[in-house]
Amino acid sequence: MNRLPCILLFTACGLTQLSYSQVASEWKGDFIGSILGVNASMTGELSGIQWTGTIDVSGYPILLEGTVIDMECTGTMTDQQTRETTPFTAKYARNQITISIRDLNPITGQVENMDFVFTREDVFTTPSSGQSHVTVVERGDAAKLDRSLIGLWRFTDTYVSGEYSFATDYFIQFKANGVVLLTDGRTAGGGMTSSIDSGDGDIHEGKWKTENKTVWTSDDKSEWQPYAKYYVEGDSMMLTYNNGKKQVWVRQ
């Protein structure tokens, strides 16, 4: 019997099992993201090629059911309260699942293409093996500034009630000279008969430094206080506050 076809057969089977194992590990697990600016968590499960994503949007349940082929998935998104459904596509890349739908945006009142990005939760807790060393800036007062934070970041908080929807944008800027700027937030939105825009609000200035993956802030009248624990992955930054609340900010 010719051994070559047998060897090729077993090799092909091994590659198929490896490929499936890799796909399964990447679509399964816990993820953190947001839906229209509201913090959300998602748990992915894979059985064969059938994928289920269970999303919790601050207590509001959404179910995703679809078929996975390599790093892409197509299926149906179901609002667990209203039972309304809409088709979705999803792609996995670099520890993130991007879910794409075309539906009514309650903030704008228009049918739009919308993308919701969820990042694997353990990315924010376990440093990757290939992660480069973080460069810090040493200042005269011995404070350390993690360069990965330097820049402008935005967090959007969304509130929907009946026909009314509002979105509040918050900005924080970490400067290389140790200055931090925070905004009160700008709220805009409304309903069919009215709308509001709060304007830009005030900007607060202080000092910042990092120690043990924690951002510390201060002003000229107070001692250093822990602001939040942080983790940066690409253009996403997760802040975990003292009360346990988590927010994912996006680099601008």
Protein backbone atom coordinates (compact mmCIF):
# COMPACT_ATOMS: atom_id res chain seq x y z
CA MET A 1 0.00 0.00 0.00
CA ASN A 2 1.31 3.43 -0.88
CA ARG A 3 1.99 5.29 2.38
CA LEU A 4 2.02 8.77 0.81
CA PRO A 5 -1.80 9.14 0.41
CA CYS A 6 -2.23 7.93 4.02
CA ILE A 7 0.29 10.46 5.30
CA LEU A 8 -1.41 13.25 3.37
CA LEU A 9 -4.79 12.18 4.71
CA PHE A 10 -3.67 12.20 8.33
CA THR A 11 -1.88 15.52 7.82
CA ALA A 12 -5.03 17.08 6.33
CA CYS A 13 -7.10 15.78 9.25
CA GLY A 14 -4.61 17.20 11.73
CA LEU A 15 -4.65 20.60 10.05
CA THR A 16 -8.44 20.62 10.03
CA GLN A 17 -8.57 19.84 13.76
CA LEU A 18 -5.96 22.51 14.46
CA SER A 19 -7.83 25.07 12.37
CA TYR A 20 -11.11 24.30 14.13
CA SER A 21 -9.44 24.45 17.54
CA GLN A 22 -7.99 27.86 16.74
CA VAL A 23 -11.31 29.22 15.46
CA ALA A 24 -13.16 27.84 18.49
CA SER A 25 -10.75 29.44 20.95
CA GLU A 26 -11.04 32.84 19.28
CA TRP A 27 -14.85 32.99 19.04
CA LYS A 28 -15.39 31.65 22.55
CA GLY A 29 -14.93 33.61 25.77
CA ASP A 30 -15.81 36.90 27.44
CA PHE A 31 -15.64 40.24 25.64
CA ILE A 32 -16.13 43.90 26.61
CA GLY A 33 -17.48 46.64 24.35
CA SER A 34 -20.40 49.01 23.92
CA ILE A 35 -23.69 49.33 22.07
CA LEU A 36 -24.43 52.91 21.00
CA GLY A 37 -22.11 54.17 23.71
CA VAL A 38 -23.54 52.04 26.53
CA ASN A 39 -21.06 49.67 28.21
CA ALA A 40 -21.78 46.04 27.34
CA SER A 41 -20.36 42.59 27.93
CA MET A 42 -20.60 39.57 25.64
CA THR A 43 -20.03 35.85 26.11
CA GLY A 44 -19.35 33.79 23.00
CA GLU A 45 -19.98 30.04 22.67
CA LEU A 46 -19.21 27.81 19.68
CA SER A 47 -20.69 24.39 18.96
CA GLY A 48 -19.36 23.02 15.70
CA ILE A 49 -19.74 26.03 13.41
CA GLN A 50 -22.79 27.43 15.24
CA TRP A 51 -21.88 30.50 17.27
CA THR A 52 -23.93 32.14 20.03
CA GLY A 53 -23.14 35.53 21.47
CA THR A 54 -25.01 36.64 24.59
CA ILE A 55 -24.79 40.41 25.10
CA ASP A 56 -25.67 42.27 28.30
CA VAL A 57 -26.13 46.01 27.67
CA SER A 58 -26.36 47.31 31.24
CA GLY A 59 -29.01 44.65 31.98
CA TYR A 60 -30.63 44.70 28.53
CA PRO A 61 -30.27 41.28 26.83
CA ILE A 62 -29.38 40.76 23.15
CA LEU A 63 -28.80 37.37 21.52
CA LEU A 64 -26.63 36.66 18.48
CA GLU A 65 -26.93 33.36 16.63
CA GLY A 66 -24.91 32.61 13.53
CA THR A 67 -22.64 30.35 11.50
CA VAL A 68 -18.87 30.74 11.66
CA ILE A 69 -16.62 30.19 8.65
CA ASP A 70 -13.00 30.90 9.54
CA MET A 71 -12.94 34.42 11.01
CA GLU A 72 -16.37 35.56 9.80
CA CYS A 73 -19.88 34.91 11.06
CA THR A 74 -23.35 35.62 9.64
CA GLY A 75 -26.62 35.25 11.48
CA THR A 76 -29.44 36.95 13.35
CA MET A 77 -29.44 39.45 16.21
CA THR A 78 -32.49 39.18 18.49
CA ASP A 79 -33.70 41.76 21.01
CA GLN A 80 -34.66 39.48 23.89
CA GLN A 81 -37.30 41.87 25.20
CA THR A 82 -39.08 42.97 22.02
CA ARG A 83 -38.21 39.77 20.07
CA GLU A 84 -37.31 41.95 17.07
CA THR A 85 -34.58 40.55 14.84
CA THR A 86 -32.07 41.92 12.36
CA PRO A 87 -29.35 40.23 10.28
CA PHE A 88 -25.75 40.71 11.35
CA THR A 89 -22.25 39.93 10.13
CA ALA A 90 -19.23 39.66 12.40
CA LYS A 91 -15.49 39.43 11.93
CA TYR A 92 -12.79 38.35 14.35
CA ALA A 93 -9.38 40.04 14.21
CA ARG A 94 -6.73 40.92 16.75
CA ASN A 95 -8.67 39.89 19.87
CA GLN A 96 -11.76 41.80 18.72
CA ILE A 97 -15.14 40.83 17.31
CA THR A 98 -16.73 43.55 15.18
CA ILE A 99 -20.50 43.11 14.78
CA SER A 100 -22.07 44.94 11.82
CA ILE A 101 -25.79 45.58 11.32
CA ARG A 102 -28.02 47.91 9.33
CA ASP A 103 -30.92 49.08 11.47
CA LEU A 104 -32.68 52.10 12.98
CA ASN A 105 -30.29 54.14 15.10
CA PRO A 106 -32.37 55.38 18.08
CA ILE A 107 -30.01 58.32 18.55
CA THR A 108 -30.31 59.76 15.03
CA GLY A 109 -33.68 58.27 14.08
CA GLN A 110 -32.16 57.10 10.79
CA VAL A 111 -31.53 53.64 9.33
CA GLU A 112 -27.75 53.33 9.34
CA ASN A 113 -24.86 50.89 9.08
CA MET A 114 -23.56 50.38 12.62
CA ASP A 115 -20.50 48.56 13.94
CA PHE A 116 -20.15 47.36 17.53
CA VAL A 117 -16.65 46.35 18.62
CA PHE A 118 -16.05 43.88 21.46
CA THR A 119 -12.56 43.22 22.80
CA ARG A 120 -11.57 40.00 24.51
CA GLU A 121 -11.67 40.68 28.24
CA ASP A 122 -8.45 38.84 29.08
CA VAL A 123 -6.58 41.22 26.76
CA PHE A 124 -7.13 43.87 29.43
CA THR A 125 -5.87 41.64 32.24
CA THR A 126 -3.13 39.47 30.70
CA PRO A 127 -0.21 41.11 28.85
CA SER A 128 0.40 39.53 25.44
CA SER A 129 3.61 37.56 25.02
CA GLY A 130 4.73 39.80 22.17
CA GLN A 131 3.90 43.07 23.92
CA SER A 132 6.74 45.56 23.75
CA HIS A 133 8.11 47.20 26.86
CA VAL A 134 6.19 50.34 27.82
CA THR A 135 8.26 53.50 27.61
CA VAL A 136 7.83 55.98 30.45
CA VAL A 137 8.83 59.61 30.78
CA GLU A 138 10.84 60.51 33.85
CA ARG A 139 10.09 63.97 35.19
CA GLY A 140 11.83 66.08 37.78
CA ASP A 141 9.22 65.26 40.43
CA ALA A 142 9.85 61.51 39.88
CA ALA A 143 6.37 60.99 38.39
CA LYS A 144 6.15 58.40 35.63
CA LEU A 145 4.00 58.91 32.56
CA ASP A 146 3.02 55.85 30.53
CA ARG A 147 3.36 56.98 26.91
CA SER A 148 0.61 54.61 25.76
CA LEU A 149 -1.94 56.92 27.46
CA ILE A 150 -0.72 60.16 25.93
CA GLY A 151 -3.35 61.63 23.60
CA LEU A 152 -7.04 62.48 23.43
CA TRP A 153 -9.66 59.85 24.38
CA ARG A 154 -13.47 59.80 24.14
CA PHE A 155 -16.15 57.87 26.02
CA THR A 156 -19.83 58.04 24.95
CA ASP A 157 -22.66 57.33 27.37
CA THR A 158 -26.11 56.78 25.82
CA TYR A 159 -29.55 56.92 27.44
CA VAL A 160 -32.72 55.74 25.69
CA SER A 161 -36.25 56.02 27.10
CA GLY A 162 -39.26 55.56 24.84
CA GLU A 163 -38.95 57.92 21.87
CA TYR A 164 -36.22 59.95 23.58
CA SER A 165 -32.51 59.21 23.28
CA PHE A 166 -29.50 61.14 24.47
CA ALA A 167 -25.75 60.71 24.08
CA THR A 168 -23.09 62.32 26.27
CA ASP A 169 -19.50 62.55 25.05
CA TYR A 170 -16.72 62.76 27.62
CA PHE A 171 -13.13 63.56 26.73
CA ILE A 172 -9.89 63.12 28.61
CA GLN A 173 -6.49 64.22 27.34
CA PHE A 174 -3.23 63.02 28.83
CA LYS A 175 -0.40 65.36 27.83
CA ALA A 176 3.28 64.46 27.66
CA ASN A 177 4.15 67.30 30.07
CA GLY A 178 2.11 65.69 32.88
CA VAL A 179 -1.03 67.80 32.42
CA VAL A 180 -4.43 66.11 32.18
CA LEU A 181 -7.61 67.75 30.84
CA LEU A 182 -11.10 66.38 31.57
CA THR A 183 -14.47 67.62 30.27
CA ASP A 184 -17.84 67.68 32.01
CA GLY A 185 -19.39 66.06 28.96
CA ARG A 186 -21.57 67.32 26.15
CA THR A 187 -25.11 65.91 25.95
CA ALA A 188 -27.19 66.01 22.77
CA GLY A 189 -30.37 64.25 21.70
CA GLY A 190 -34.12 64.38 22.01
CA GLY A 191 -37.22 62.91 20.44
CA MET A 192 -39.80 63.56 17.74
CA THR A 193 -40.88 66.94 19.14
CA SER A 194 -37.84 68.33 20.95
CA SER A 195 -34.08 68.22 21.17
CA ILE A 196 -31.33 69.52 23.43
CA ASP A 197 -27.62 70.27 23.22
CA SER A 198 -25.87 71.13 26.48
CA GLY A 199 -22.81 72.64 24.84
CA ASP A 200 -19.22 71.74 25.55
CA GLY A 201 -19.25 72.38 29.30
CA ASP A 202 -16.22 73.09 31.48
CA ILE A 203 -12.72 71.71 31.08
CA HIS A 204 -10.84 70.75 34.23
CA GLU A 205 -7.05 70.74 34.37
CA GLY A 206 -4.82 68.76 36.69
CA LYS A 207 -1.66 66.65 36.86
CA TRP A 208 -1.36 62.95 36.12
CA LYS A 209 1.08 60.12 36.62
CA THR A 210 1.02 56.32 36.43
CA GLU A 211 2.10 53.75 38.98
CA ASN A 212 1.43 49.99 38.87
CA LYS A 213 -1.04 50.32 35.97
CA THR A 214 -3.02 52.97 37.86
CA VAL A 215 -3.61 56.58 36.78
CA TRP A 216 -3.13 59.04 39.64
CA THR A 217 -4.39 62.64 39.40
CA SER A 218 -3.91 65.79 41.42
CA ASP A 219 -4.39 69.53 41.31
CA ASP A 220 -2.42 72.26 43.02
CA LYS A 221 -4.65 72.07 46.10
CA SER A 222 -4.80 68.31 46.78
CA GLU A 223 -2.63 65.24 47.22
CA TRP A 224 -2.31 62.54 44.56
CA GLN A 225 -5.43 60.35 44.34
CA PRO A 226 -5.94 57.09 42.39
CA TYR A 227 -8.19 57.89 39.41
CA ALA A 228 -8.56 54.46 37.76
CA LYS A 229 -6.69 51.31 36.82
CA TYR A 230 -5.97 51.21 33.09
CA TYR A 231 -5.11 48.95 30.22
CA VAL A 232 -4.39 50.11 26.66
CA GLU A 233 -4.66 47.88 23.60
CA GLY A 234 -4.18 49.71 20.31
CA ASP A 235 -6.70 52.55 20.16
CA SER A 236 -8.83 51.22 23.05
CA MET A 237 -8.31 52.03 26.71
CA MET A 238 -10.23 50.39 29.54
CA LEU A 239 -10.49 52.31 32.80
CA THR A 240 -11.59 50.45 35.94
CA TYR A 241 -12.67 52.82 38.69
CA ASN A 242 -12.55 52.31 42.45
CA ASN A 243 -16.22 51.25 42.54
CA GLY A 244 -15.54 48.48 40.00
CA LYS A 245 -17.19 50.28 37.08
CA LYS A 246 -15.44 49.77 33.74
CA GLN A 247 -15.40 52.06 30.73
CA VAL A 248 -13.84 51.53 27.29
CA TRP A 249 -12.45 54.76 25.82
CA VAL A 250 -11.47 55.27 22.19
CA ARG A 251 -8.43 57.20 21.01
CA GLN A 252 -9.29 60.22 18.87
